[in-house]
Amino acid sequence: MIKIILFDLGNVLIKIDFDAFWKSLGLSANEISYYKESYAKITRQYEKGLISTEEYLRNLRLKFDNRFSEKRIAGAFESIMQTPVEGANEFLSKILKKYHIAVASNTNELHFRKVSEEYQEIIKSFRDYYLSYKLNVMKPDRKFYEYILRDKKIEPEQILLIDDIYENVDGAIKVGMKGIVFENYEKLMKVIKQYGIHI
């Protein structure tokens, strides 16, 4: 029996657009190609909680040769987090009455702060928040899922992860959890019935 349902944040609860970062800075395709690899490396460190927000913004400012202020970089980075995924609010309002729900996401302080402030109606629905930058580990590393199991002290098969990335769902399944690759809430409403969840 499922007791806890874990929700990914990006593209499950909140739409994300990674290209919005580059658009906001007004960089050309060639410039994006030049910066993309180092940007991804620094951002991964940030999402693992290995560097602070201040260090992250400073590192990017230097990487961009001081072309942009840290404030502008922060605004561009926050623009990646868009609006709630269609159907998210309605689904959560139904499921939170019957199940313990938690966020389990690869994210960072800037993004989580933005969604917490702008979309309180979604974020406040959850009882727990398992965030990569707080845990210092990212999905699909098994340590991420094992932390949740230790924290909740229940059997892995009693936890269901809903995530839009197959590798993350597969990682959950490998430690004994259940998992669903998210596409949309209309389809999710049908698929969760296979796990004995009726809302």
N, C-alpha and C. Protein backbone atom coordinates (compact mmCIF):
# COMPACT_ATOMS: atom_id res chain seq x y z
N MET A 1 0.83 -1.20 0.00
CA MET A 1 0.00 0.00 0.00
C MET A 1 0.88 1.26 0.00
N ILE A 2 0.58 2.18 -0.90
CA ILE A 2 1.32 3.44 -0.97
C ILE A 2 0.91 4.35 0.19
N LYS A 3 1.92 4.85 0.91
CA LYS A 3 1.66 5.76 2.02
C LYS A 3 2.18 7.17 1.76
N ILE A 4 3.26 7.26 0.98
CA ILE A 4 3.86 8.56 0.69
C ILE A 4 4.03 8.72 -0.82
N ILE A 5 3.65 9.87 -1.34
CA ILE A 5 3.81 10.17 -2.76
C ILE A 5 4.78 11.33 -2.90
N LEU A 6 5.87 11.09 -3.64
CA LEU A 6 6.89 12.10 -3.87
C LEU A 6 6.68 12.75 -5.23
N PHE A 7 6.75 14.06 -5.28
CA PHE A 7 6.60 14.81 -6.52
C PHE A 7 7.89 15.53 -6.87
N ASP A 8 8.33 15.36 -8.11
CA ASP A 8 9.40 16.19 -8.63
C ASP A 8 8.84 17.61 -8.78
N LEU A 9 9.73 18.59 -8.86
CA LEU A 9 9.29 19.98 -8.97
C LEU A 9 9.16 20.42 -10.43
N GLY A 10 10.28 20.41 -11.16
CA GLY A 10 10.28 20.89 -12.53
C GLY A 10 9.53 20.01 -13.51
N ASN A 11 8.59 20.61 -14.22
CA ASN A 11 7.77 19.96 -15.25
C ASN A 11 6.82 18.89 -14.70
N VAL A 12 6.68 18.85 -13.38
CA VAL A 12 5.64 18.05 -12.75
C VAL A 12 4.72 18.99 -11.97
N LEU A 13 5.33 19.89 -11.22
CA LEU A 13 4.55 20.90 -10.48
C LEU A 13 4.65 22.27 -11.15
N ILE A 14 5.87 22.64 -11.55
CA ILE A 14 6.12 23.94 -12.17
C ILE A 14 6.80 23.74 -13.53
N LYS A 15 6.27 24.40 -14.56
CA LYS A 15 6.89 24.32 -15.88
C LYS A 15 8.28 24.97 -15.82
N ILE A 16 9.22 24.35 -16.52
CA ILE A 16 10.55 24.95 -16.60
C ILE A 16 10.95 25.13 -18.06
N ASP A 17 11.73 26.19 -18.29
CA ASP A 17 12.23 26.49 -19.63
C ASP A 17 13.70 26.89 -19.48
N PHE A 18 14.59 25.94 -19.71
CA PHE A 18 16.02 26.21 -19.53
C PHE A 18 16.53 27.28 -20.49
N ASP A 19 15.91 27.39 -21.66
CA ASP A 19 16.34 28.40 -22.64
C ASP A 19 16.02 29.81 -22.19
N ALA A 20 15.10 29.95 -21.23
CA ALA A 20 14.72 31.28 -20.75
C ALA A 20 15.92 32.01 -20.14
N PHE A 21 16.84 31.25 -19.56
CA PHE A 21 18.05 31.85 -18.98
C PHE A 21 18.85 32.59 -20.04
N TRP A 22 19.10 31.91 -21.15
CA TRP A 22 19.90 32.49 -22.23
C TRP A 22 19.17 33.63 -22.92
N LYS A 23 17.86 33.46 -23.10
CA LYS A 23 17.06 34.51 -23.74
C LYS A 23 17.08 35.78 -22.91
N SER A 24 16.98 35.62 -21.60
CA SER A 24 16.96 36.77 -20.70
C SER A 24 18.27 37.55 -20.76
N LEU A 25 19.37 36.85 -20.99
CA LEU A 25 20.67 37.51 -21.09
C LEU A 25 20.96 38.02 -22.50
N GLY A 26 20.14 37.61 -23.46
CA GLY A 26 20.28 38.09 -24.83
C GLY A 26 21.52 37.59 -25.54
N LEU A 27 21.92 36.37 -25.23
CA LEU A 27 23.13 35.81 -25.84
C LEU A 27 22.84 35.16 -27.19
N SER A 28 23.80 35.22 -28.08
CA SER A 28 23.66 34.61 -29.40
C SER A 28 23.85 33.10 -29.30
N ALA A 29 23.52 32.40 -30.37
CA ALA A 29 23.67 30.94 -30.40
C ALA A 29 25.13 30.55 -30.20
N ASN A 30 26.05 31.29 -30.81
CA ASN A 30 27.47 31.00 -30.66
C ASN A 30 27.94 31.22 -29.23
N GLU A 31 27.42 32.28 -28.61
CA GLU A 31 27.80 32.57 -27.22
C GLU A 31 27.26 31.51 -26.28
N ILE A 32 26.04 31.09 -26.53
CA ILE A 32 25.43 30.03 -25.71
C ILE A 32 26.26 28.76 -25.80
N SER A 33 26.66 28.42 -27.02
CA SER A 33 27.47 27.22 -27.24
C SER A 33 28.80 27.32 -26.49
N TYR A 34 29.35 28.52 -26.45
CA TYR A 34 30.64 28.74 -25.78
C TYR A 34 30.52 28.59 -24.26
N TYR A 35 29.43 29.12 -23.69
CA TYR A 35 29.28 29.14 -22.24
C TYR A 35 28.57 27.92 -21.64
N LYS A 36 27.85 27.18 -22.47
CA LYS A 36 26.91 26.19 -21.95
C LYS A 36 27.55 25.12 -21.06
N GLU A 37 28.68 24.60 -21.46
CA GLU A 37 29.30 23.51 -20.70
C GLU A 37 29.74 23.97 -19.31
N SER A 38 30.39 25.12 -19.24
CA SER A 38 30.84 25.62 -17.94
C SER A 38 29.66 26.04 -17.07
N TYR A 39 28.62 26.60 -17.70
CA TYR A 39 27.40 26.95 -16.97
C TYR A 39 26.77 25.71 -16.35
N ALA A 40 26.70 24.63 -17.12
CA ALA A 40 26.09 23.39 -16.63
C ALA A 40 26.89 22.82 -15.46
N LYS A 41 28.21 22.90 -15.54
CA LYS A 41 29.07 22.37 -14.49
C LYS A 41 28.89 23.15 -13.18
N ILE A 42 28.87 24.47 -13.28
CA ILE A 42 28.70 25.32 -12.10
C ILE A 42 27.31 25.12 -11.50
N THR A 43 26.31 25.01 -12.37
CA THR A 43 24.93 24.84 -11.90
C THR A 43 24.75 23.50 -11.20
N ARG A 44 25.41 22.48 -11.69
CA ARG A 44 25.34 21.17 -11.03
C ARG A 44 25.93 21.25 -9.61
N GLN A 45 27.03 21.95 -9.47
CA GLN A 45 27.63 22.14 -8.13
C GLN A 45 26.64 22.85 -7.21
N TYR A 46 25.96 23.84 -7.77
CA TYR A 46 24.99 24.63 -7.00
C TYR A 46 23.80 23.77 -6.58
N GLU A 47 23.32 22.93 -7.49
CA GLU A 47 22.16 22.09 -7.17
C GLU A 47 22.52 20.96 -6.22
N LYS A 48 23.79 20.67 -6.09
CA LYS A 48 24.24 19.69 -5.09
C LYS A 48 24.53 20.35 -3.74
N GLY A 49 24.39 21.68 -3.71
CA GLY A 49 24.65 22.39 -2.47
C GLY A 49 26.12 22.50 -2.13
N LEU A 50 26.98 22.35 -3.13
CA LEU A 50 28.42 22.40 -2.90
C LEU A 50 28.93 23.83 -2.87
N ILE A 51 28.17 24.76 -3.46
CA ILE A 51 28.50 26.18 -3.41
C ILE A 51 27.24 26.95 -3.03
N SER A 52 27.43 28.10 -2.41
CA SER A 52 26.30 28.93 -1.97
C SER A 52 25.74 29.73 -3.14
N THR A 53 24.60 30.36 -2.91
CA THR A 53 24.00 31.22 -3.94
C THR A 53 24.96 32.35 -4.30
N GLU A 54 25.60 32.93 -3.31
CA GLU A 54 26.54 34.03 -3.54
C GLU A 54 27.71 33.55 -4.40
N GLU A 55 28.23 32.38 -4.08
CA GLU A 55 29.35 31.83 -4.86
C GLU A 55 28.92 31.50 -6.27
N TYR A 56 27.71 30.97 -6.41
CA TYR A 56 27.19 30.60 -7.73
C TYR A 56 27.10 31.82 -8.63
N LEU A 57 26.48 32.88 -8.12
CA LEU A 57 26.30 34.09 -8.93
C LEU A 57 27.64 34.75 -9.25
N ARG A 58 28.55 34.74 -8.29
CA ARG A 58 29.87 35.31 -8.53
C ARG A 58 30.63 34.50 -9.58
N ASN A 59 30.56 33.18 -9.48
CA ASN A 59 31.24 32.32 -10.46
C ASN A 59 30.70 32.55 -11.87
N LEU A 60 29.38 32.70 -11.98
CA LEU A 60 28.81 32.94 -13.31
C LEU A 60 29.18 34.33 -13.82
N ARG A 61 29.17 35.32 -12.94
CA ARG A 61 29.55 36.68 -13.36
C ARG A 61 30.98 36.66 -13.92
N LEU A 62 31.87 35.98 -13.25
CA LEU A 62 33.25 35.89 -13.73
C LEU A 62 33.35 35.08 -15.01
N LYS A 63 32.54 34.02 -15.09
CA LYS A 63 32.54 33.18 -16.30
C LYS A 63 32.07 33.98 -17.51
N PHE A 64 31.14 34.91 -17.26
CA PHE A 64 30.64 35.78 -18.33
C PHE A 64 31.49 37.04 -18.50
N ASP A 65 32.69 37.01 -17.93
CA ASP A 65 33.64 38.14 -18.06
C ASP A 65 33.04 39.46 -17.61
N ASN A 66 32.26 39.42 -16.54
CA ASN A 66 31.65 40.62 -15.94
C ASN A 66 30.72 41.37 -16.89
N ARG A 67 30.17 40.68 -17.87
CA ARG A 67 29.24 41.33 -18.80
C ARG A 67 27.89 41.62 -18.14
N PHE A 68 27.55 40.82 -17.14
CA PHE A 68 26.25 40.97 -16.48
C PHE A 68 26.43 41.07 -14.97
N SER A 69 25.56 41.85 -14.34
CA SER A 69 25.61 41.95 -12.88
C SER A 69 25.07 40.66 -12.26
N GLU A 70 25.40 40.42 -11.01
CA GLU A 70 24.90 39.23 -10.33
C GLU A 70 23.38 39.28 -10.19
N LYS A 71 22.85 40.49 -10.02
CA LYS A 71 21.39 40.64 -9.92
C LYS A 71 20.72 40.22 -11.22
N ARG A 72 21.31 40.63 -12.35
CA ARG A 72 20.72 40.25 -13.64
C ARG A 72 20.84 38.75 -13.88
N ILE A 73 21.95 38.18 -13.52
CA ILE A 73 22.14 36.74 -13.67
C ILE A 73 21.12 35.98 -12.83
N ALA A 74 20.90 36.45 -11.60
CA ALA A 74 19.92 35.81 -10.72
C ALA A 74 18.53 35.87 -11.32
N GLY A 75 18.16 37.04 -11.87
CA GLY A 75 16.85 37.19 -12.49
C GLY A 75 16.68 36.27 -13.69
N ALA A 76 17.74 36.16 -14.49
CA ALA A 76 17.70 35.29 -15.67
C ALA A 76 17.56 33.83 -15.24
N PHE A 77 18.29 33.47 -14.20
CA PHE A 77 18.24 32.09 -13.72
C PHE A 77 16.87 31.76 -13.14
N GLU A 78 16.29 32.69 -12.41
CA GLU A 78 14.95 32.47 -11.83
C GLU A 78 13.89 32.35 -12.92
N SER A 79 14.12 32.98 -14.07
CA SER A 79 13.12 32.95 -15.15
C SER A 79 12.92 31.55 -15.72
N ILE A 80 13.83 30.64 -15.41
CA ILE A 80 13.69 29.25 -15.85
C ILE A 80 12.42 28.64 -15.27
N MET A 81 12.13 29.00 -14.01
CA MET A 81 10.92 28.50 -13.35
C MET A 81 9.74 29.32 -13.82
N GLN A 82 8.80 28.68 -14.51
CA GLN A 82 7.72 29.40 -15.16
C GLN A 82 6.43 29.42 -14.34
N THR A 83 5.42 28.72 -14.78
CA THR A 83 4.11 28.72 -14.13
C THR A 83 3.72 27.29 -13.75
N PRO A 84 2.71 27.13 -12.89
CA PRO A 84 2.29 25.78 -12.51
C PRO A 84 1.88 24.94 -13.71
N VAL A 85 2.22 23.67 -13.67
CA VAL A 85 1.81 22.73 -14.71
C VAL A 85 0.29 22.60 -14.67
N GLU A 86 -0.32 22.57 -15.83
CA GLU A 86 -1.79 22.47 -15.91
C GLU A 86 -2.30 21.24 -15.16
N GLY A 87 -3.23 21.46 -14.26
CA GLY A 87 -3.83 20.37 -13.51
C GLY A 87 -3.18 20.09 -12.17
N ALA A 88 -2.03 20.72 -11.90
CA ALA A 88 -1.29 20.44 -10.67
C ALA A 88 -2.09 20.80 -9.42
N ASN A 89 -2.64 22.01 -9.40
CA ASN A 89 -3.39 22.46 -8.22
C ASN A 89 -4.57 21.56 -7.92
N GLU A 90 -5.31 21.23 -8.94
CA GLU A 90 -6.51 20.39 -8.77
C GLU A 90 -6.13 19.00 -8.26
N PHE A 91 -5.10 18.43 -8.84
CA PHE A 91 -4.65 17.09 -8.44
C PHE A 91 -4.20 17.09 -6.98
N LEU A 92 -3.40 18.07 -6.61
CA LEU A 92 -2.89 18.14 -5.24
C LEU A 92 -4.00 18.34 -4.23
N SER A 93 -4.99 19.16 -4.57
CA SER A 93 -6.09 19.41 -3.64
C SER A 93 -6.86 18.14 -3.33
N LYS A 94 -6.87 17.20 -4.27
CA LYS A 94 -7.58 15.94 -4.06
C LYS A 94 -6.72 14.94 -3.30
N ILE A 95 -5.45 14.85 -3.68
CA ILE A 95 -4.61 13.79 -3.13
C ILE A 95 -4.11 14.08 -1.72
N LEU A 96 -3.94 15.36 -1.36
CA LEU A 96 -3.40 15.66 -0.04
C LEU A 96 -4.36 15.31 1.09
N LYS A 97 -5.63 15.11 0.74
CA LYS A 97 -6.62 14.74 1.76
C LYS A 97 -6.45 13.28 2.19
N LYS A 98 -5.82 12.49 1.34
CA LYS A 98 -5.71 11.05 1.61
C LYS A 98 -4.29 10.55 1.80
N TYR A 99 -3.31 11.30 1.29
CA TYR A 99 -1.93 10.80 1.31
C TYR A 99 -0.94 11.83 1.85
N HIS A 100 0.15 11.31 2.38
CA HIS A 100 1.29 12.14 2.79
C HIS A 100 2.04 12.46 1.50
N ILE A 101 2.16 13.73 1.16
CA ILE A 101 2.85 14.09 -0.08
C ILE A 101 4.08 14.94 0.23
N ALA A 102 5.11 14.75 -0.59
CA ALA A 102 6.38 15.45 -0.37
C ALA A 102 7.01 15.82 -1.71
N VAL A 103 7.83 16.86 -1.70
CA VAL A 103 8.60 17.25 -2.87
C VAL A 103 9.94 16.51 -2.82
N ALA A 104 10.36 15.94 -3.95
CA ALA A 104 11.67 15.29 -4.06
C ALA A 104 12.29 15.78 -5.36
N SER A 105 13.17 16.76 -5.27
CA SER A 105 13.59 17.46 -6.49
C SER A 105 15.08 17.80 -6.53
N ASN A 106 15.64 17.73 -7.74
CA ASN A 106 16.95 18.30 -8.00
C ASN A 106 16.71 19.79 -8.24
N THR A 107 17.08 20.61 -7.29
CA THR A 107 16.81 22.04 -7.40
C THR A 107 17.86 22.83 -6.64
N ASN A 108 17.63 24.11 -6.47
CA ASN A 108 18.60 25.00 -5.84
C ASN A 108 17.87 26.08 -5.06
N GLU A 109 18.63 26.83 -4.29
CA GLU A 109 18.03 27.84 -3.41
C GLU A 109 17.25 28.91 -4.18
N LEU A 110 17.81 29.43 -5.26
CA LEU A 110 17.14 30.48 -6.02
C LEU A 110 15.81 30.01 -6.59
N HIS A 111 15.81 28.84 -7.20
CA HIS A 111 14.58 28.32 -7.81
C HIS A 111 13.54 27.97 -6.76
N PHE A 112 13.97 27.33 -5.68
CA PHE A 112 12.99 26.94 -4.67
C PHE A 112 12.42 28.15 -3.96
N ARG A 113 13.25 29.16 -3.74
CA ARG A 113 12.76 30.39 -3.12
C ARG A 113 11.71 31.06 -4.01
N LYS A 114 11.98 31.08 -5.32
CA LYS A 114 11.02 31.71 -6.23
C LYS A 114 9.67 31.01 -6.21
N VAL A 115 9.66 29.69 -6.35
CA VAL A 115 8.37 28.98 -6.40
C VAL A 115 7.68 29.03 -5.04
N SER A 116 8.45 29.07 -3.96
CA SER A 116 7.85 29.15 -2.63
C SER A 116 7.14 30.48 -2.43
N GLU A 117 7.70 31.54 -3.01
CA GLU A 117 7.11 32.87 -2.86
C GLU A 117 5.97 33.11 -3.84
N GLU A 118 6.13 32.65 -5.08
CA GLU A 118 5.14 32.96 -6.12
C GLU A 118 4.01 31.94 -6.22
N TYR A 119 4.26 30.72 -5.79
CA TYR A 119 3.25 29.67 -5.93
C TYR A 119 3.03 28.96 -4.60
N GLN A 120 2.72 29.77 -3.59
CA GLN A 120 2.52 29.23 -2.25
C GLN A 120 1.40 28.20 -2.20
N GLU A 121 0.37 28.40 -3.04
CA GLU A 121 -0.77 27.48 -3.01
C GLU A 121 -0.36 26.06 -3.37
N ILE A 122 0.71 25.93 -4.14
CA ILE A 122 1.22 24.60 -4.49
C ILE A 122 2.20 24.10 -3.43
N ILE A 123 3.19 24.90 -3.12
CA ILE A 123 4.26 24.47 -2.21
C ILE A 123 3.75 24.17 -0.81
N LYS A 124 2.78 24.92 -0.33
CA LYS A 124 2.30 24.73 1.04
C LYS A 124 1.53 23.41 1.21
N SER A 125 1.19 22.76 0.10
CA SER A 125 0.45 21.49 0.16
C SER A 125 1.30 20.35 0.72
N PHE A 126 2.62 20.49 0.66
CA PHE A 126 3.51 19.38 0.98
C PHE A 126 3.96 19.37 2.44
N ARG A 127 4.15 18.15 2.94
CA ARG A 127 4.60 17.99 4.33
C ARG A 127 6.12 17.97 4.45
N ASP A 128 6.79 17.45 3.42
CA ASP A 128 8.25 17.35 3.45
C ASP A 128 8.83 17.85 2.14
N TYR A 129 10.10 18.29 2.23
CA TYR A 129 10.79 18.80 1.04
C TYR A 129 12.18 18.17 1.00
N TYR A 130 12.38 17.26 0.06
CA TYR A 130 13.68 16.61 -0.13
C TYR A 130 14.33 17.27 -1.34
N LEU A 131 15.26 18.17 -1.08
CA LEU A 131 15.83 19.01 -2.13
C LEU A 131 17.32 18.73 -2.26
N SER A 132 17.77 18.55 -3.49
CA SER A 132 19.16 18.15 -3.73
C SER A 132 20.17 19.09 -3.07
N TYR A 133 19.91 20.39 -3.12
CA TYR A 133 20.89 21.33 -2.57
C TYR A 133 20.95 21.28 -1.04
N LYS A 134 19.90 20.73 -0.43
CA LYS A 134 19.90 20.55 1.02
C LYS A 134 20.53 19.21 1.41
N LEU A 135 20.32 18.20 0.55
CA LEU A 135 20.82 16.85 0.84
C LEU A 135 22.23 16.61 0.33
N ASN A 136 22.74 17.52 -0.51
CA ASN A 136 24.06 17.39 -1.13
C ASN A 136 24.18 16.16 -2.02
N VAL A 137 23.08 15.78 -2.62
CA VAL A 137 23.07 14.65 -3.56
C VAL A 137 21.88 14.82 -4.50
N MET A 138 22.05 14.36 -5.74
CA MET A 138 21.00 14.53 -6.75
C MET A 138 20.46 13.19 -7.22
N LYS A 139 19.19 13.17 -7.57
CA LYS A 139 18.63 12.01 -8.28
C LYS A 139 19.39 11.88 -9.59
N PRO A 140 19.67 10.69 -10.10
CA PRO A 140 19.19 9.39 -9.62
C PRO A 140 20.17 8.66 -8.69
N ASP A 141 21.08 9.37 -8.04
CA ASP A 141 21.99 8.74 -7.08
C ASP A 141 21.16 8.05 -6.00
N ARG A 142 21.45 6.78 -5.74
CA ARG A 142 20.64 6.02 -4.78
C ARG A 142 20.67 6.64 -3.38
N LYS A 143 21.72 7.42 -3.06
CA LYS A 143 21.79 8.06 -1.74
C LYS A 143 20.64 9.03 -1.52
N PHE A 144 20.15 9.62 -2.60
CA PHE A 144 19.02 10.55 -2.51
C PHE A 144 17.79 9.82 -1.97
N TYR A 145 17.50 8.67 -2.57
CA TYR A 145 16.32 7.90 -2.19
C TYR A 145 16.50 7.25 -0.81
N GLU A 146 17.73 6.82 -0.54
CA GLU A 146 18.01 6.18 0.75
C GLU A 146 17.84 7.17 1.90
N TYR A 147 18.14 8.43 1.65
CA TYR A 147 17.93 9.45 2.68
C TYR A 147 16.45 9.53 3.05
N ILE A 148 15.60 9.52 2.04
CA ILE A 148 14.15 9.59 2.28
C ILE A 148 13.68 8.37 3.07
N LEU A 149 14.17 7.21 2.71
CA LEU A 149 13.79 5.98 3.41
C LEU A 149 14.20 6.03 4.88
N ARG A 150 15.39 6.53 5.14
CA ARG A 150 15.83 6.65 6.54
C ARG A 150 14.99 7.67 7.29
N ASP A 151 14.66 8.75 6.61
CA ASP A 151 13.90 9.82 7.25
C ASP A 151 12.47 9.40 7.60
N LYS A 152 11.83 8.68 6.69
CA LYS A 152 10.42 8.31 6.90
C LYS A 152 10.26 6.97 7.62
N LYS A 153 11.33 6.17 7.62
CA LYS A 153 11.31 4.89 8.34
C LYS A 153 10.15 3.98 7.91
N ILE A 154 9.96 3.87 6.60
CA ILE A 154 8.95 2.94 6.08
C ILE A 154 9.57 2.12 4.96
N GLU A 155 8.86 1.09 4.56
CA GLU A 155 9.36 0.21 3.50
C GLU A 155 9.35 0.96 2.16
N PRO A 156 10.35 0.72 1.31
CA PRO A 156 10.44 1.44 0.04
C PRO A 156 9.22 1.26 -0.87
N GLU A 157 8.59 0.08 -0.82
CA GLU A 157 7.43 -0.15 -1.70
C GLU A 157 6.20 0.66 -1.28
N GLN A 158 6.31 1.35 -0.14
CA GLN A 158 5.20 2.20 0.31
C GLN A 158 5.35 3.64 -0.17
N ILE A 159 6.38 3.88 -0.97
CA ILE A 159 6.64 5.22 -1.51
C ILE A 159 6.52 5.20 -3.03
N LEU A 160 5.85 6.19 -3.58
CA LEU A 160 5.69 6.34 -5.03
C LEU A 160 6.28 7.68 -5.46
N LEU A 161 7.20 7.63 -6.43
CA LEU A 161 7.79 8.84 -6.99
C LEU A 161 7.14 9.18 -8.33
N ILE A 162 6.75 10.44 -8.49
CA ILE A 162 6.23 10.94 -9.76
C ILE A 162 7.25 11.94 -10.29
N ASP A 163 7.87 11.62 -11.43
CA ASP A 163 8.97 12.42 -11.97
C ASP A 163 8.89 12.37 -13.50
N ASP A 164 9.27 13.45 -14.15
CA ASP A 164 9.19 13.48 -15.62
C ASP A 164 10.42 12.89 -16.29
N ILE A 165 11.45 12.55 -15.52
CA ILE A 165 12.68 12.00 -16.10
C ILE A 165 12.79 10.51 -15.78
N TYR A 166 12.90 9.71 -16.82
CA TYR A 166 12.93 8.25 -16.67
C TYR A 166 14.03 7.79 -15.73
N GLU A 167 15.24 8.35 -15.87
CA GLU A 167 16.38 7.92 -15.05
C GLU A 167 16.10 8.11 -13.55
N ASN A 168 15.38 9.17 -13.21
CA ASN A 168 15.07 9.43 -11.80
C ASN A 168 14.06 8.42 -11.27
N VAL A 169 13.09 8.08 -12.10
CA VAL A 169 12.10 7.07 -11.73
C VAL A 169 12.78 5.71 -11.59
N ASP A 170 13.66 5.41 -12.53
CA ASP A 170 14.39 4.14 -12.50
C ASP A 170 15.25 4.04 -11.23
N GLY A 171 15.85 5.15 -10.83
CA GLY A 171 16.65 5.17 -9.61
C GLY A 171 15.82 4.84 -8.39
N ALA A 172 14.59 5.36 -8.35
CA ALA A 172 13.68 5.07 -7.23
C ALA A 172 13.30 3.59 -7.22
N ILE A 173 13.02 3.06 -8.40
CA ILE A 173 12.62 1.65 -8.52
C ILE A 173 13.76 0.73 -8.07
N LYS A 174 14.99 1.12 -8.35
CA LYS A 174 16.15 0.29 -7.99
C LYS A 174 16.34 0.15 -6.48
N VAL A 175 15.80 1.10 -5.70
CA VAL A 175 15.89 0.96 -4.24
C VAL A 175 14.61 0.38 -3.66
N GLY A 176 13.68 -0.02 -4.55
CA GLY A 176 12.46 -0.68 -4.09
C GLY A 176 11.21 0.17 -4.06
N MET A 177 11.36 1.47 -4.41
CA MET A 177 10.18 2.33 -4.46
C MET A 177 9.38 2.06 -5.73
N LYS A 178 8.18 2.61 -5.79
CA LYS A 178 7.39 2.59 -7.00
C LYS A 178 7.64 3.91 -7.74
N GLY A 179 7.40 3.91 -9.04
CA GLY A 179 7.65 5.14 -9.79
C GLY A 179 6.80 5.27 -11.04
N ILE A 180 6.46 6.51 -11.36
CA ILE A 180 5.69 6.82 -12.57
C ILE A 180 6.41 7.94 -13.31
N VAL A 181 6.63 7.74 -14.62
CA VAL A 181 7.18 8.81 -15.45
C VAL A 181 6.02 9.73 -15.83
N PHE A 182 6.08 10.96 -15.37
CA PHE A 182 4.99 11.91 -15.55
C PHE A 182 4.94 12.47 -16.98
N GLU A 183 3.71 12.53 -17.53
CA GLU A 183 3.48 13.18 -18.82
C GLU A 183 2.51 14.34 -18.65
N ASN A 184 1.35 14.05 -18.06
CA ASN A 184 0.37 15.09 -17.75
C ASN A 184 -0.57 14.54 -16.68
N TYR A 185 -1.37 15.43 -16.10
CA TYR A 185 -2.22 15.00 -14.98
C TYR A 185 -3.41 14.17 -15.42
N GLU A 186 -3.86 14.37 -16.63
CA GLU A 186 -4.97 13.55 -17.13
C GLU A 186 -4.55 12.08 -17.19
N LYS A 187 -3.35 11.85 -17.70
CA LYS A 187 -2.84 10.48 -17.78
C LYS A 187 -2.49 9.94 -16.39
N LEU A 188 -1.94 10.81 -15.55
CA LEU A 188 -1.55 10.39 -14.21
C LEU A 188 -2.74 9.89 -13.40
N MET A 189 -3.88 10.55 -13.56
CA MET A 189 -5.10 10.16 -12.84
C MET A 189 -5.46 8.71 -13.14
N LYS A 190 -5.16 8.26 -14.36
CA LYS A 190 -5.48 6.89 -14.75
C LYS A 190 -4.40 5.91 -14.26
N VAL A 191 -3.14 6.31 -14.42
CA VAL A 191 -2.02 5.42 -14.10
C VAL A 191 -1.93 5.11 -12.60
N ILE A 192 -2.21 6.10 -11.75
CA ILE A 192 -2.06 5.87 -10.31
C ILE A 192 -3.02 4.82 -9.77
N LYS A 193 -4.08 4.54 -10.51
CA LYS A 193 -5.03 3.52 -10.06
C LYS A 193 -4.37 2.14 -10.00
N GLN A 194 -3.32 1.95 -10.83
CA GLN A 194 -2.59 0.69 -10.82
C GLN A 194 -1.88 0.45 -9.49
N TYR A 195 -1.69 1.53 -8.73
CA TYR A 195 -1.02 1.44 -7.43
C TYR A 195 -2.01 1.52 -6.28
N GLY A 196 -3.27 1.33 -6.60
CA GLY A 196 -4.31 1.34 -5.57
C GLY A 196 -4.67 2.72 -5.07
N ILE A 197 -4.32 3.74 -5.86
CA ILE A 197 -4.61 5.13 -5.46
C ILE A 197 -5.85 5.60 -6.21
N HIS A 198 -6.88 5.92 -5.46
CA HIS A 198 -8.13 6.41 -6.06
C HIS A 198 -8.51 7.72 -5.40
N ILE A 199 -8.62 8.77 -6.20
CA ILE A 199 -8.95 10.09 -5.64
C ILE A 199 -10.13 10.71 -6.39
